[in-house]
Amino acid sequence: MPNQQGCTLTSKDLTVIEDQLTHVAMGCRVAEQYANQFQNAQLKNMAATVAQHHRQHFDALYAFLNGCQ
């Protein structure tokens, strides 16, 4: 499916990206849950950092898909 930016994705590509989005979103949710449960400040910050990393990865994949429309 080509667009004006020259991005071509097959249905298999879309399936792989969709699966990746699902896994990254799940990782973000889990890390956020841990961040909310930890009492130790270092662990809480580490889990929040992991959640932020996953959120940024999700946003980048999502933006890529939006750019390919």
Protein backbone atom coordinates (compact mmCIF):
# COMPACT_ATOMS: atom_id res chain seq x y z
CA MET A 1 0.00 0.00 0.00
CA PRO A 2 2.12 2.92 -1.28
CA ASN A 3 1.62 6.53 -0.24
CA GLN A 4 3.09 9.91 -1.11
CA GLN A 5 6.08 9.29 1.20
CA GLY A 6 6.98 6.09 -0.63
CA CYS A 7 6.03 3.87 2.30
CA THR A 8 4.90 0.43 1.19
CA LEU A 9 3.58 -2.06 3.72
CA THR A 10 2.36 -5.55 3.04
CA SER A 11 -0.38 -7.17 5.08
CA LYS A 12 2.34 -9.21 6.82
CA ASP A 13 4.19 -5.98 7.70
CA LEU A 14 1.01 -4.56 9.18
CA THR A 15 0.41 -7.73 11.18
CA VAL A 16 3.94 -7.64 12.61
CA ILE A 17 3.61 -3.95 13.53
CA GLU A 18 0.18 -4.55 15.07
CA ASP A 19 1.63 -7.38 17.18
CA GLN A 20 4.53 -5.16 18.22
CA LEU A 21 2.15 -2.36 19.22
CA THR A 22 0.19 -4.82 21.35
CA HIS A 23 3.31 -6.10 23.10
CA VAL A 24 4.76 -2.64 23.70
CA ALA A 25 1.44 -1.37 25.09
CA MET A 26 1.26 -4.37 27.42
CA GLY A 27 4.83 -3.75 28.59
CA CYS A 28 3.96 -0.15 29.30
CA ARG A 29 0.88 -1.10 31.34
CA VAL A 30 2.79 -3.69 33.35
CA ALA A 31 5.66 -1.29 34.10
CA GLU A 32 3.16 1.40 35.15
CA GLN A 33 1.46 -1.08 37.49
CA TYR A 34 4.80 -1.96 39.07
CA ALA A 35 5.69 1.72 39.39
CA ASN A 36 2.45 2.28 41.28
CA GLN A 37 3.03 -0.70 43.60
CA PHE A 38 6.70 -0.30 44.50
CA GLN A 39 7.45 1.41 47.81
CA ASN A 40 11.17 1.70 47.13
CA ALA A 41 11.85 4.99 45.32
CA GLN A 42 14.61 3.53 43.12
CA LEU A 43 12.43 0.66 41.95
CA LYS A 44 9.49 3.01 41.42
CA ASN A 45 11.64 5.32 39.27
CA MET A 46 13.11 2.42 37.32
CA ALA A 47 9.66 1.01 36.54
CA ALA A 48 8.43 4.48 35.53
CA THR A 49 11.44 4.84 33.21
CA VAL A 50 10.70 1.45 31.63
CA ALA A 51 7.05 2.47 31.15
CA GLN A 52 8.14 5.73 29.52
CA HIS A 53 10.49 3.84 27.19
CA HIS A 54 7.67 1.54 26.11
CA ARG A 55 5.33 4.51 25.64
CA GLN A 56 7.89 6.25 23.41
CA HIS A 57 8.36 3.08 21.37
CA PHE A 58 4.59 2.73 20.98
CA ASP A 59 4.26 6.38 19.93
CA ALA A 60 7.05 5.99 17.36
CA LEU A 61 5.45 2.89 15.82
CA TYR A 62 2.05 4.56 15.79
CA ALA A 63 3.47 7.70 14.15
CA PHE A 64 5.19 5.54 11.55
CA LEU A 65 1.90 3.86 10.71
CA ASN A 66 0.11 7.21 10.48
CA GLY A 67 2.82 8.46 8.13
CA CYS A 68 2.27 5.46 5.87
CA GLN A 69 -1.40 6.15 5.26
